[in-house]
Structures are given as C-alpha cells and as structure tokens.
C-alpha atoms as a PDB file:
ATOM      1  CA  MET A   1      93.484 104.519  81.936  1.00  0.00           C
ATOM      2  CA  ASP A   2      93.190 100.941  83.202  1.00  0.00           C
ATOM      3  CA  ARG A   3      94.187 100.472  86.832  1.00  0.00           C
ATOM      4  CA  MET A   4      95.288  97.483  88.923  1.00  0.00           C
ATOM      5  CA  ARG A   5      96.179  96.615  92.505  1.00  0.00           C
ATOM      6  CA  ALA A   6      99.848  96.228  93.407  1.00  0.00           C
ATOM      7  CA  VAL A   7     101.834  95.765  96.617  1.00  0.00           C
ATOM      8  CA  ARG A   8     104.363  98.608  96.647  1.00  0.00           C
ATOM      9  CA  LEU A   9     107.386  99.090  98.872  1.00  0.00           C
ATOM     10  CA  HIS A  10     108.394 102.698  99.530  1.00  0.00           C
ATOM     11  CA  LEU A  11     112.162 102.387 100.070  1.00  0.00           C
ATOM     12  CA  PRO A  12     112.906 105.582 102.058  1.00  0.00           C
ATOM     13  CA  THR A  13     110.413 104.571 104.773  1.00  0.00           C
ATOM     14  CA  ARG A  14     110.331 100.798 104.098  1.00  0.00           C
ATOM     15  CA  THR A  15     106.530 101.102 104.032  1.00  0.00           C
ATOM     16  CA  LEU A  16     104.499  98.340 102.385  1.00  0.00           C
ATOM     17  CA  SER A  17     101.054  99.181 100.987  1.00  0.00           C
ATOM     18  CA  VAL A  18      98.468  97.950  98.483  1.00  0.00           C
ATOM     19  CA  GLU A  19      97.918 100.692  95.909  1.00  0.00           C
ATOM     20  CA  GLU A  20      95.932 101.357  92.755  1.00  0.00           C
ATOM     21  CA  VAL A  21      98.456 101.910  89.964  1.00  0.00           C
ATOM     22  CA  ALA A  22      98.372 102.131  86.194  1.00  0.00           C
ATOM     23  CA  LYS A  23      98.075  98.769  84.466  1.00  0.00           C
ATOM     24  CA  PRO A  24     101.279  98.317  82.429  1.00  0.00           C
ATOM     25  CA  VAL A  25     101.200  98.380  78.629  1.00  0.00           C
ATOM     26  CA  PRO A  26     103.693  96.023  76.957  1.00  0.00           C
ATOM     27  CA  GLY A  27     106.287  97.759  74.816  1.00  0.00           C
ATOM     28  CA  PRO A  28     108.554  96.255  72.117  1.00  0.00           C
ATOM     29  CA  GLY A  29     109.585  92.716  73.032  1.00  0.00           C
ATOM     30  CA  GLU A  30     107.462  92.736  76.191  1.00  0.00           C
ATOM     31  CA  VAL A  31     104.582  90.591  77.417  1.00  0.00           C
ATOM     32  CA  LEU A  32     101.880  91.506  79.917  1.00  0.00           C
ATOM     33  CA  VAL A  33     101.137  88.579  82.248  1.00  0.00           C
ATOM     34  CA  LYS A  34      97.993  88.197  84.347  1.00  0.00           C
ATOM     35  CA  VAL A  35      99.419  87.045  87.682  1.00  0.00           C
ATOM     36  CA  ALA A  36      97.910  83.897  89.186  1.00  0.00           C
ATOM     37  CA  ALA A  37     100.463  83.253  91.931  1.00  0.00           C
ATOM     38  CA  ALA A  38     103.460  85.041  93.413  1.00  0.00           C
ATOM     39  CA  GLY A  39     105.809  83.610  96.022  1.00  0.00           C
ATOM     40  CA  VAL A  40     106.870  85.328  99.256  1.00  0.00           C
ATOM     41  CA  CYS A  41     110.576  84.911  99.944  1.00  0.00           C
ATOM     42  CA  LEU A  42     112.947  85.844 102.759  1.00  0.00           C
ATOM     43  CA  SER A  43     114.540  88.259 100.283  1.00  0.00           C
ATOM     44  CA  ASP A  44     111.231  90.133 100.291  1.00  0.00           C
ATOM     45  CA  VAL A  45     111.359  90.204 104.091  1.00  0.00           C
ATOM     46  CA  HIS A  46     114.872  91.653 103.942  1.00  0.00           C
ATOM     47  CA  LEU A  47     113.783  94.315 101.452  1.00  0.00           C
ATOM     48  CA  VAL A  48     111.013  95.370 103.811  1.00  0.00           C
ATOM     49  CA  ASP A  49     113.203  95.358 106.946  1.00  0.00           C
ATOM     50  CA  GLY A  50     116.024  97.237 105.229  1.00  0.00           C
ATOM     51  CA  THR A  51     118.618  94.461 105.213  1.00  0.00           C
ATOM     52  CA  LEU A  52     118.584  94.524 101.395  1.00  0.00           C
ATOM     53  CA  THR A  53     118.439  97.577  99.146  1.00  0.00           C
ATOM     54  CA  PRO A  54     117.960  97.527  95.348  1.00  0.00           C
ATOM     55  CA  LEU A  55     121.086  98.401  93.364  1.00  0.00           C
ATOM     56  CA  TYR A  56     119.546  99.484  90.084  1.00  0.00           C
ATOM     57  CA  LEU A  57     116.002 100.622  90.913  1.00  0.00           C
ATOM     58  CA  GLU A  58     114.874 103.817  89.192  1.00  0.00           C
ATOM     59  CA  GLY A  59     112.771 105.782  91.668  1.00  0.00           C
ATOM     60  CA  ASP A  60     112.059 105.130  95.337  1.00  0.00           C
ATOM     61  CA  SER A  61     109.203 102.587  95.148  1.00  0.00           C
ATOM     62  CA  VAL A  62     108.864  99.116  93.653  1.00  0.00           C
ATOM     63  CA  THR A  63     106.252  96.378  93.311  1.00  0.00           C
ATOM     64  CA  LEU A  64     107.735  93.364  95.098  1.00  0.00           C
ATOM     65  CA  GLY A  65     107.671  89.741  93.909  1.00  0.00           C
ATOM     66  CA  HIS A  66     110.322  87.780  91.983  1.00  0.00           C
ATOM     67  CA  GLU A  67     108.561  84.374  91.961  1.00  0.00           C
ATOM     68  CA  VAL A  68     105.692  84.791  89.508  1.00  0.00           C
ATOM     69  CA  ALA A  69     103.403  82.561  87.425  1.00  0.00           C
ATOM     70  CA  GLY A  70     100.294  83.356  85.410  1.00  0.00           C
ATOM     71  CA  THR A  71      98.871  83.572  81.897  1.00  0.00           C
ATOM     72  CA  VAL A  72      99.769  85.743  78.933  1.00  0.00           C
ATOM     73  CA  GLU A  73      97.397  88.722  78.734  1.00  0.00           C
ATOM     74  CA  ALA A  74      98.809  90.862  75.902  1.00  0.00           C
ATOM     75  CA  LEU A  75     101.844  91.090  73.643  1.00  0.00           C
ATOM     76  CA  GLY A  76     103.920  94.098  72.702  1.00  0.00           C
ATOM     77  CA  PRO A  77     105.419  94.581  69.218  1.00  0.00           C
ATOM     78  CA  GLY A  78     108.015  91.947  68.410  1.00  0.00           C
ATOM     79  CA  ALA A  79     107.073  89.628  71.281  1.00  0.00           C
ATOM     80  CA  GLY A  80     106.181  86.758  68.986  1.00  0.00           C
ATOM     81  CA  GLY A  81     106.122  83.114  69.986  1.00  0.00           C
ATOM     82  CA  TRP A  82     103.553  83.645  72.713  1.00  0.00           C
ATOM     83  CA  SER A  83      99.772  83.771  72.628  1.00  0.00           C
ATOM     84  CA  ALA A  84      97.056  85.064  74.944  1.00  0.00           C
ATOM     85  CA  GLY A  85      96.072  82.585  77.639  1.00  0.00           C
ATOM     86  CA  GLN A  86      99.349  80.666  77.621  1.00  0.00           C
ATOM     87  CA  ARG A  87     100.474  79.507  81.072  1.00  0.00           C
ATOM     88  CA  VAL A  88     103.923  80.826  81.965  1.00  0.00           C
ATOM     89  CA  VAL A  89     106.401  81.294  84.791  1.00  0.00           C
ATOM     90  CA  LEU A  90     108.743  84.289  84.790  1.00  0.00           C
ATOM     91  CA  GLN A  91     112.479  84.228  85.341  1.00  0.00           C
ATOM     92  CA  ALA A  92     113.412  86.012  88.573  1.00  0.00           C
ATOM     93  CA  GLY A  93     115.475  88.572  86.688  1.00  0.00           C
ATOM     94  CA  GLU A  94     117.302  89.429  83.501  1.00  0.00           C
ATOM     95  CA  ARG A  95     120.557  90.836  82.184  1.00  0.00           C
ATOM     96  CA  ARG A  96     120.515  94.511  81.296  1.00  0.00           C
ATOM     97  CA  GLY A  97     123.667  96.249  80.151  1.00  0.00           C
ATOM     98  CA  GLY A  98     125.833  93.435  81.485  1.00  0.00           C
ATOM     99  CA  ARG A  99     124.224  93.550  84.940  1.00  0.00           C
ATOM    100  CA  THR A 100     121.679  91.247  86.548  1.00  0.00           C
ATOM    101  CA  HIS A 101     118.474  93.090  87.416  1.00  0.00           C
ATOM    102  CA  THR A 102     116.157  91.229  89.797  1.00  0.00           C
ATOM    103  CA  ARG A 103     112.391  91.291  89.293  1.00  0.00           C
ATOM    104  CA  GLY A 104     110.559  92.802  92.238  1.00  0.00           C
ATOM    105  CA  VAL A 105     113.788  94.442  93.398  1.00  0.00           C
ATOM    106  CA  ASP A 106     115.362  96.467  90.595  1.00  0.00           C
ATOM    107  CA  TYR A 107     112.115  96.706  88.608  1.00  0.00           C
ATOM    108  CA  ASP A 108     108.438  96.006  89.281  1.00  0.00           C
ATOM    109  CA  GLY A 109     107.579  92.420  90.148  1.00  0.00           C
ATOM    110  CA  GLY A 110     104.558  90.205  90.520  1.00  0.00           C
ATOM    111  CA  TRP A 111     102.797  91.148  93.754  1.00  0.00           C
ATOM    112  CA  ALA A 112     100.139  92.687  91.529  1.00  0.00           C
ATOM    113  CA  GLU A 113      97.253  91.782  89.264  1.00  0.00           C
ATOM    114  CA  TYR A 114      99.502  92.079  86.215  1.00  0.00           C
ATOM    115  CA  ALA A 115     103.253  91.948  85.622  1.00  0.00           C
ATOM    116  CA  LEU A 116     105.312  93.179  82.695  1.00  0.00           C
ATOM    117  CA  ALA A 117     108.088  90.914  81.434  1.00  0.00           C
ATOM    118  CA  SER A 118     110.553  90.696  78.570  1.00  0.00           C
ATOM    119  CA  ALA A 119     109.420  87.928  76.235  1.00  0.00           C
ATOM    120  CA  ALA A 120     112.775  86.182  76.711  1.00  0.00           C
ATOM    121  CA  THR A 121     112.120  85.778  80.459  1.00  0.00           C
ATOM    122  CA  LEU A 122     108.980  83.653  80.007  1.00  0.00           C
ATOM    123  CA  VAL A 123     109.020  79.869  80.371  1.00  0.00           C
ATOM    124  CA  ALA A 124     106.013  77.883  79.155  1.00  0.00           C
ATOM    125  CA  LEU A 125     104.225  75.665  81.656  1.00  0.00           C
ATOM    126  CA  PRO A 126     102.463  72.330  81.109  1.00  0.00           C
ATOM    127  CA  LEU A 127      98.831  72.000  82.121  1.00  0.00           C
ATOM    128  CA  THR A 128      99.805  69.408  84.712  1.00  0.00           C
ATOM    129  CA  LEU A 129     101.835  71.843  86.842  1.00  0.00           C
ATOM    130  CA  PRO A 130      99.692  74.041  89.135  1.00  0.00           C
ATOM    131  CA  LEU A 131     100.508  77.736  88.866  1.00  0.00           C
ATOM    132  CA  ASP A 132     101.119  78.198  92.596  1.00  0.00           C
ATOM    133  CA  GLN A 133     103.735  75.432  92.521  1.00  0.00           C
ATOM    134  CA  ALA A 134     105.269  76.756  89.308  1.00  0.00           C
ATOM    135  CA  ALA A 135     105.617  80.256  90.769  1.00  0.00           C
ATOM    136  CA  ILE A 136     108.224  79.216  93.338  1.00  0.00           C
ATOM    137  CA  ILE A 137     110.523  77.466  90.855  1.00  0.00           C
ATOM    138  CA  PRO A 138     112.494  80.649  90.037  1.00  0.00           C
ATOM    139  CA  ASP A 139     114.593  81.117  93.193  1.00  0.00           C
ATOM    140  CA  ALA A 140     113.094  78.793  95.849  1.00  0.00           C
ATOM    141  CA  VAL A 141     113.932  75.767  93.697  1.00  0.00           C
ATOM    142  CA  SER A 142     116.221  77.032  90.929  1.00  0.00           C
ATOM    143  CA  THR A 143     118.767  78.591  93.310  1.00  0.00           C
ATOM    144  CA  PRO A 144     119.442  75.356  95.235  1.00  0.00           C
ATOM    145  CA  TRP A 145     119.263  73.405  91.954  1.00  0.00           C
ATOM    146  CA  ALA A 146     122.062  75.514  90.472  1.00  0.00           C
ATOM    147  CA  ALA A 147     124.016  75.333  93.737  1.00  0.00           C
ATOM    148  CA  VAL A 148     123.759  71.527  93.803  1.00  0.00           C
ATOM    149  CA  THR A 149     124.325  70.739  90.120  1.00  0.00           C
ATOM    150  CA  VAL A 150     126.757  73.484  89.072  1.00  0.00           C
ATOM    151  CA  THR A 151     128.586  75.241  91.920  1.00  0.00           C
ATOM    152  CA  GLY A 152     128.630  72.202  94.207  1.00  0.00           C
ATOM    153  CA  ASP A 153     128.933  69.729  91.312  1.00  0.00           C
ATOM    154  CA  VAL A 154     127.358  66.972  93.410  1.00  0.00           C
ATOM    155  CA  ARG A 155     127.631  63.474  91.964  1.00  0.00           C
ATOM    156  CA  PRO A 156     125.695  60.283  92.806  1.00  0.00           C
ATOM    157  CA  ALA A 157     126.605  58.569  96.090  1.00  0.00           C
ATOM    158  CA  GLN A 158     128.490  61.585  97.432  1.00  0.00           C
ATOM    159  CA  ALA A 159     127.905  62.438 101.099  1.00  0.00           C
ATOM    160  CA  VAL A 160     126.360  65.896 101.399  1.00  0.00           C
ATOM    161  CA  GLY A 161     125.255  68.161 104.243  1.00  0.00           C
ATOM    162  CA  VAL A 162     122.669  70.956 104.192  1.00  0.00           C
ATOM    163  CA  TRP A 163     122.765  73.625 106.915  1.00  0.00           C
ATOM    164  CA  GLY A 164     119.443  75.457 107.230  1.00  0.00           C
ATOM    165  CA  ALA A 165     116.260  73.591 106.223  1.00  0.00           C
ATOM    166  CA  GLY A 166     114.098  76.606 105.356  1.00  0.00           C
ATOM    167  CA  GLY A 167     112.528  77.221 101.965  1.00  0.00           C
ATOM    168  CA  LEU A 168     115.729  76.906  99.923  1.00  0.00           C
ATOM    169  CA  GLY A 169     117.389  74.342 102.172  1.00  0.00           C
ATOM    170  CA  ALA A 170     114.394  71.988 102.180  1.00  0.00           C
ATOM    171  CA  HIS A 171     114.329  72.084  98.389  1.00  0.00           C
ATOM    172  CA  ALA A 172     118.078  71.444  98.344  1.00  0.00           C
ATOM    173  CA  VAL A 173     117.452  68.255 100.319  1.00  0.00           C
ATOM    174  CA  GLN A 174     114.797  67.183  97.822  1.00  0.00           C
ATOM    175  CA  LEU A 175     117.058  67.964  94.851  1.00  0.00           C
ATOM    176  CA  LEU A 176     120.106  66.248  96.356  1.00  0.00           C
ATOM    177  CA  ARG A 177     118.045  63.108  96.759  1.00  0.00           C
ATOM    178  CA  ALA A 178     116.920  63.447  93.128  1.00  0.00           C
ATOM    179  CA  VAL A 179     120.513  63.567  91.840  1.00  0.00           C
ATOM    180  CA  GLY A 180     121.498  60.545  93.938  1.00  0.00           C
ATOM    181  CA  ALA A 181     123.547  62.061  96.779  1.00  0.00           C
ATOM    182  CA  TYR A 182     123.934  59.712  99.761  1.00  0.00           C
ATOM    183  CA  PRO A 183     123.707  60.227 102.592  1.00  0.00           C
ATOM    184  CA  VAL A 184     121.943  63.597 102.654  1.00  0.00           C
ATOM    185  CA  ILE A 185     122.360  65.085 106.132  1.00  0.00           C
ATOM    186  CA  ALA A 186     120.328  68.133 107.183  1.00  0.00           C
ATOM    187  CA  VAL A 187     121.463  70.327 110.086  1.00  0.00           C
ATOM    188  CA  ASP A 188     119.166  72.837 111.796  1.00  0.00           C
ATOM    189  CA  PRO A 189     118.604  73.959 115.403  1.00  0.00           C
ATOM    190  CA  VAL A 190     114.805  74.025 114.984  1.00  0.00           C
ATOM    191  CA  PRO A 191     112.980  70.688 115.519  1.00  0.00           C
ATOM    192  CA  ALA A 192     110.228  71.569 113.005  1.00  0.00           C
ATOM    193  CA  ALA A 193     112.869  72.310 110.358  1.00  0.00           C
ATOM    194  CA  ARG A 194     114.551  68.964 111.000  1.00  0.00           C
ATOM    195  CA  ASP A 195     111.211  67.200 110.640  1.00  0.00           C
ATOM    196  CA  ARG A 196     110.639  69.070 107.365  1.00  0.00           C
ATOM    197  CA  ALA A 197     114.045  68.005 106.087  1.00  0.00           C
ATOM    198  CA  LEU A 198     113.239  64.351 106.768  1.00  0.00           C
ATOM    199  CA  HIS A 199     109.895  64.807 105.012  1.00  0.00           C
ATOM    200  CA  PHE A 200     111.720  66.249 101.984  1.00  0.00           C
ATOM    201  CA  GLY A 201     114.069  63.260 101.828  1.00  0.00           C
ATOM    202  CA  ALA A 202     116.992  63.744 104.222  1.00  0.00           C
ATOM    203  CA  ASP A 203     118.571  60.518 105.449  1.00  0.00           C
ATOM    204  CA  LEU A 204     119.528  62.131 108.752  1.00  0.00           C
ATOM    205  CA  ALA A 205     118.532  65.402 110.452  1.00  0.00           C
ATOM    206  CA  LEU A 206     120.797  66.723 113.210  1.00  0.00           C
ATOM    207  CA  ASP A 207     120.639  69.557 115.723  1.00  0.00           C
ATOM    208  CA  SER A 208     123.431  72.071 115.086  1.00  0.00           C
ATOM    209  CA  GLY A 209     123.707  72.554 118.848  1.00  0.00           C
ATOM    210  CA  ASP A 210     124.388  68.874 119.547  1.00  0.00           C
ATOM    211  CA  PRO A 211     127.954  68.529 120.918  1.00  0.00           C
ATOM    212  CA  LEU A 212     128.155  65.108 119.253  1.00  0.00           C
ATOM    213  CA  LEU A 213     127.269  66.424 115.789  1.00  0.00           C
ATOM    214  CA  ARG A 214     130.774  65.949 114.362  1.00  0.00           C
ATOM    215  CA  GLU A 215     130.939  62.353 115.556  1.00  0.00           C
ATOM    216  CA  GLN A 216     127.478  61.667 114.115  1.00  0.00           C
ATOM    217  CA  VAL A 217     128.376  63.091 110.700  1.00  0.00           C
ATOM    218  CA  LEU A 218     131.693  61.256 110.533  1.00  0.00           C
ATOM    219  CA  GLY A 219     130.007  58.035 111.620  1.00  0.00           C
ATOM    220  CA  ALA A 220     127.242  58.315 109.029  1.00  0.00           C
ATOM    221  CA  THR A 221     129.621  59.163 106.188  1.00  0.00           C
ATOM    222  CA  GLY A 222     132.678  57.106 107.018  1.00  0.00           C
ATOM    223  CA  GLY A 223     134.994  60.092 106.951  1.00  0.00           C
ATOM    224  CA  GLY A 224     133.162  63.335 106.284  1.00  0.00           C
ATOM    225  CA  LEU A 225     131.108  65.231 103.740  1.00  0.00           C
ATOM    226  CA  GLU A 226     132.233  65.653 100.170  1.00  0.00           C
ATOM    227  CA  ALA A 227     130.048  68.754  99.887  1.00  0.00           C
ATOM    228  CA  ALA A 228     128.318  71.011 102.407  1.00  0.00           C
ATOM    229  CA  PHE A 229     125.820  73.770 101.686  1.00  0.00           C
ATOM    230  CA  ASP A 230     125.249  76.785 103.920  1.00  0.00           C
ATOM    231  CA  PHE A 231     121.697  78.063 103.398  1.00  0.00           C
ATOM    232  CA  ALA A 232     121.670  79.912 106.730  1.00  0.00           C
ATOM    233  CA  GLY A 233     124.314  82.523 105.980  1.00  0.00           C
ATOM    234  CA  ALA A 234     125.803  82.334 109.465  1.00  0.00           C
ATOM    235  CA  PRO A 235     129.526  82.325 110.398  1.00  0.00           C
ATOM    236  CA  ALA A 236     129.001  79.602 113.018  1.00  0.00           C
ATOM    237  CA  VAL A 237     127.405  77.379 110.384  1.00  0.00           C
ATOM    238  CA  ARG A 238     130.391  77.753 108.070  1.00  0.00           C
ATOM    239  CA  GLU A 239     132.875  76.857 110.768  1.00  0.00           C
ATOM    240  CA  GLN A 240     130.831  73.807 111.767  1.00  0.00           C
ATOM    241  CA  ALA A 241     130.478  72.654 108.160  1.00  0.00           C
ATOM    242  CA  LEU A 242     134.225  73.006 107.539  1.00  0.00           C
ATOM    243  CA  SER A 243     134.901  70.818 110.591  1.00  0.00           C
ATOM    244  CA  VAL A 244     133.092  67.841 109.054  1.00  0.00           C
ATOM    245  CA  LEU A 245     134.320  68.042 105.464  1.00  0.00           C
ATOM    246  CA  ALA A 246     136.210  65.085 104.030  1.00  0.00           C
ATOM    247  CA  PRO A 247     139.616  65.728 102.451  1.00  0.00           C
ATOM    248  CA  LYS A 248     139.172  67.884  99.301  1.00  0.00           C
ATOM    249  CA  GLY A 249     135.588  68.597 100.388  1.00  0.00           C
ATOM    250  CA  ARG A 250     133.866  71.812  99.374  1.00  0.00           C
ATOM    251  CA  LEU A 251     131.642  74.255 101.222  1.00  0.00           C
ATOM    252  CA  VAL A 252     129.107  76.147  99.077  1.00  0.00           C
ATOM    253  CA  LEU A 253     127.841  79.452 100.486  1.00  0.00           C
ATOM    254  CA  VAL A 254     124.248  80.097  99.382  1.00  0.00           C
ATOM    255  CA  GLY A 255     122.822  81.961 102.371  1.00  0.00           C
ATOM    256  CA  LEU A 256     123.770  85.635 102.293  1.00  0.00           C
ATOM    257  CA  SER A 257     125.499  87.352 105.209  1.00  0.00           C
ATOM    258  CA  ASP A 258     127.098  90.714 105.902  1.00  0.00           C
ATOM    259  CA  GLN A 259     129.524  89.057 108.327  1.00  0.00           C
ATOM    260  CA  PRO A 260     133.207  88.491 107.470  1.00  0.00           C
ATOM    261  CA  LEU A 261     134.178  85.107 106.061  1.00  0.00           C
ATOM    262  CA  THR A 262     136.812  83.538 108.303  1.00  0.00           C
ATOM    263  CA  VAL A 263     138.595  80.198 108.536  1.00  0.00           C
ATOM    264  CA  ALA A 264     139.596  79.500 112.133  1.00  0.00           C
ATOM    265  CA  HIS A 265     141.906  76.553 111.370  1.00  0.00           C
ATOM    266  CA  SER A 266     143.634  77.661 108.190  1.00  0.00           C
ATOM    267  CA  THR A 267     146.462  75.095 108.399  1.00  0.00           C
ATOM    268  CA  ARG A 268     143.938  72.252 108.606  1.00  0.00           C
ATOM    269  CA  PHE A 269     141.956  73.891 105.776  1.00  0.00           C
ATOM    270  CA  SER A 270     145.035  73.915 103.530  1.00  0.00           C
ATOM    271  CA  TYR A 271     146.284  70.482 104.562  1.00  0.00           C
ATOM    272  CA  LEU A 272     142.922  68.865 103.728  1.00  0.00           C
ATOM    273  CA  GLN A 273     142.670  70.942 100.514  1.00  0.00           C
ATOM    274  CA  HIS A 274     139.194  72.214 101.346  1.00  0.00           C
ATOM    275  CA  ARG A 275     137.421  74.709  99.107  1.00  0.00           C
ATOM    276  CA  ILE A 276     134.872  77.456  99.788  1.00  0.00           C
ATOM    277  CA  LEU A 277     132.636  78.444  96.867  1.00  0.00           C
ATOM    278  CA  GLY A 278     130.213  81.349  96.630  1.00  0.00           C
ATOM    279  CA  HIS A 279     126.844  80.871  94.958  1.00  0.00           C
ATOM    280  CA  TYR A 280     124.086  83.227  93.860  1.00  0.00           C
ATOM    281  CA  GLY A 281     120.852  82.598  91.957  1.00  0.00           C
ATOM    282  CA  SER A 282     120.573  80.449  88.854  1.00  0.00           C
ATOM    283  CA  GLU A 283     120.802  80.594  85.059  1.00  0.00           C
ATOM    284  CA  GLU A 284     117.830  80.794  82.697  1.00  0.00           C
ATOM    285  CA  HIS A 285     118.017  77.139  81.639  1.00  0.00           C
ATOM    286  CA  HIS A 286     117.687  75.912  85.222  1.00  0.00           C
ATOM    287  CA  VAL A 287     114.036  77.011  85.456  1.00  0.00           C
ATOM    288  CA  ALA A 288     113.237  75.210  82.197  1.00  0.00           C
ATOM    289  CA  GLN A 289     115.002  72.070  83.484  1.00  0.00           C
ATOM    290  CA  LEU A 290     112.962  72.062  86.680  1.00  0.00           C
ATOM    291  CA  VAL A 291     109.682  72.625  84.844  1.00  0.00           C
ATOM    292  CA  ARG A 292     110.506  69.634  82.629  1.00  0.00           C
ATOM    293  CA  LEU A 293     111.423  67.453  85.621  1.00  0.00           C
ATOM    294  CA  ALA A 294     108.195  68.381  87.397  1.00  0.00           C
ATOM    295  CA  GLU A 295     106.209  67.691  84.238  1.00  0.00           C
ATOM    296  CA  GLY A 296     107.818  64.253  84.018  1.00  0.00           C
ATOM    297  CA  GLY A 297     106.963  63.420  87.615  1.00  0.00           C
ATOM    298  CA  ARG A 298     110.563  63.482  88.824  1.00  0.00           C
ATOM    299  CA  LEU A 299     109.917  66.361  91.223  1.00  0.00           C
ATOM    300  CA  ASP A 300     106.855  67.206  93.311  1.00  0.00           C
ATOM    301  CA  PHE A 301     106.371  70.703  94.736  1.00  0.00           C
ATOM    302  CA  SER A 302     102.916  70.141  96.238  1.00  0.00           C
ATOM    303  CA  ARG A 303     104.284  70.067  99.806  1.00  0.00           C
ATOM    304  CA  SER A 304     106.180  73.325  99.222  1.00  0.00           C
ATOM    305  CA  ILE A 305     103.130  75.604  99.362  1.00  0.00           C
ATOM    306  CA  THR A 306     102.245  76.239 103.000  1.00  0.00           C
ATOM    307  CA  ASP A 307      99.432  78.741 102.439  1.00  0.00           C
ATOM    308  CA  VAL A 308      97.816  81.010  99.833  1.00  0.00           C
ATOM    309  CA  LEU A 309      96.791  84.565 100.762  1.00  0.00           C
ATOM    310  CA  PRO A 310      95.216  87.495  98.884  1.00  0.00           C
ATOM    311  CA  LEU A 311      97.314  90.515  97.860  1.00  0.00           C
ATOM    312  CA  GLU A 312      95.793  92.556 100.675  1.00  0.00           C
ATOM    313  CA  GLU A 313      97.486  90.247 103.196  1.00  0.00           C
ATOM    314  CA  ALA A 314     101.000  90.772 101.818  1.00  0.00           C
ATOM    315  CA  ALA A 315     102.181  92.388 105.050  1.00  0.00           C
ATOM    316  CA  THR A 316     100.840  89.399 106.995  1.00  0.00           C
ATOM    317  CA  ALA A 317     102.695  87.031 104.676  1.00  0.00           C
ATOM    318  CA  VAL A 318     105.937  88.963 105.167  1.00  0.00           C
ATOM    319  CA  ARG A 319     105.493  88.827 108.947  1.00  0.00           C
ATOM    320  CA  ARG A 320     104.806  85.083 108.851  1.00  0.00           C
ATOM    321  CA  MET A 321     107.960  84.460 106.826  1.00  0.00           C
ATOM    322  CA  GLU A 322     109.992  86.624 109.195  1.00  0.00           C
ATOM    323  CA  THR A 323     108.677  85.050 112.424  1.00  0.00           C
ATOM    324  CA  LYS A 324     108.291  81.562 110.882  1.00  0.00           C
ATOM    325  CA  GLU A 325     104.697  81.505 112.132  1.00  0.00           C
ATOM    326  CA  GLY A 326     103.141  78.234 110.989  1.00  0.00           C
ATOM    327  CA  ASP A 327     106.592  76.980 109.893  1.00  0.00           C
ATOM    328  CA  PRO A 328     106.147  78.052 106.237  1.00  0.00           C
ATOM    329  CA  VAL A 329     108.183  76.653 103.351  1.00  0.00           C
ATOM    330  CA  ARG A 330     106.666  79.113 100.875  1.00  0.00           C
ATOM    331  CA  LEU A 331     103.638  81.405 101.065  1.00  0.00           C
ATOM    332  CA  ILE A 332     101.787  82.426  97.906  1.00  0.00           C
ATOM    333  CA  LEU A 333      99.977  85.677  97.150  1.00  0.00           C
ATOM    334  CA  ARG A 334      97.050  85.362  94.761  1.00  0.00           C
ATOM    335  CA  PRO A 335      95.559  88.574  93.230  1.00  0.00           C
END
C-alpha cells in the first residue's frame, strides 16, 4: 500500500505529529490532489491548544490544513471535468447532510503530501497565480471578502474601520481598498500590525489604547464609521467600535469569541439604529471571484506569505502563529 507523510492532530491529547499514513484512494466523485502548499491559520492554533474542537469528526485524529493548493494527481469514478496535472485550490469545506464540514477539522485536510477532495470543491488556477499564494485564498482572503461584500455590504466611499490587523484583518484592509471604501481605518494595539495595515492600504492606523481614538476616527470620517469589522473577537473591541459608528452604522463580528456579547449603552445603540451582524466563512463562489481578480491583476497576495516551511516544521509554524514570532501574515507548509 502506498504511504505518505501527514501532520496529524490527536484530539484527546492535543498532540501534533508527522506520521506515515496510507495514501488516499479517490472514490466516486473524488479527486486526489498532490499538495504543493498549505496555509497555517490561527484556527489551526486553536485546534492544537484546545480552544476549538471538531463537531463532526469521525475518530479522534485528523490531518490539519484547510487552506490547500496543488495539482490533480488522480480521479475517482464520476469525477470528470478535471485532468491530471491541473493546478487547483480547494474550498475550505463542503456541505454534507445540510451541515458545513470544514477541511482539516471535520475531515482530513492538506498538511500532507496528498489530499482527498470532492470534485465540486476544486477551483481551477491560472498559471500566473503561484500555488503558495493561491492556497491562502480559502479563508485568509475569502472570509474577509465575504464579510466586506456580503455581510457588511460595503459600498464605495463609505468610511470603514478594521479592528485587528492580523492575517484576516490585513486582507480585509486590502479588499476594502479594492472595493472603494474611504477612509479605511485600521485599529490595533501592536505597532507592527499597524505598519502592516498601512502597507496593505489603510488610510489611517490607530492604537486601540489611544485615549483620543474616538476623536481621531470622528475627525477623519466627519461623523463616524458606516461599517466596522471586528477581526479580534474581543469584547473591548466591540464596545470601542460601537462608540465610533455613524447613525445606522453596522458592526460585523468576524473574530470568534467565547465571551458574551454585550451592549453597554443600549439606549444610544437603539437611538442611533446601530446593527450588529455575525459573520462566518464564505460561499463557494467567493474563492472563484478572488482567483479571477488575482488573475486580472486586481489583487496581489505576494506580500501575504511570510515564510514557507517543510511539513516536519508544522509544530514550529503553529508556535510562530501563536506567539506572532516574526510578525507573520500567513505561513505556508510545503510537503
């Protein structure tokens, strides 16, 4: 039986290890993909540290990795439309029985030499888009893209704020600039994150701890933000963002938190007709949209890849994402 290397997480002990496992064989409607690049996300960190637990995983171990790009290796019966050698990126999950199952969480992902995928979850890639950049589109880019264009419904010339300029937040800044938001204001307590936000296209980058933040936002916008995005998942962030919303402004919650959602000034919230909207993930067509925009030169993800490491250094990559060592936007594992 053919074997391959894979980075497996043992859930009961939260132990991460590189193992030799059976190379998957594609079944009906499935495609085997030779992995060229797989992104390392904070969600992976939270799976390892126990903050997140898979809902639908069968068994007690899983191959991590939901941001995956590579080439088609083999096709199962009924997986037509694809051919060996084709460059593809995989959706970060799929619907099964009416529920969303996430790759690398609820079923085996792409921190491996090969990954199995339903044919419907493949998106073709142009030759002009490097595979390491393509790999991060599902989630790191598609989640903020969906938050900006659908949940937040941001329109040109609207004033927008982004709290948390990490991997998703930095891409949100880039995408907000692409859709014509103005001004785009980034808020983060970390100087390096504020510098990154400016590099990604923010018009203004503010320290969340600055006592004059509210005055600065109101001064730059002439009355407040029409939309604010919380990528940090912190109660203090949400309260601060609500304090600088314009009348009828909306706050979009992208960062996940296990803390209660509270509104300290509920009368003001109602009087100004503010809205709070939850957001999670993206739809299938968003990945295809972003691939097309990158192919057309409208988006550039070259600055998004901080480093590329071999599979054997997966634990190091997780630690670097957790401690923010080297200020990473995204780290890539390459088998």
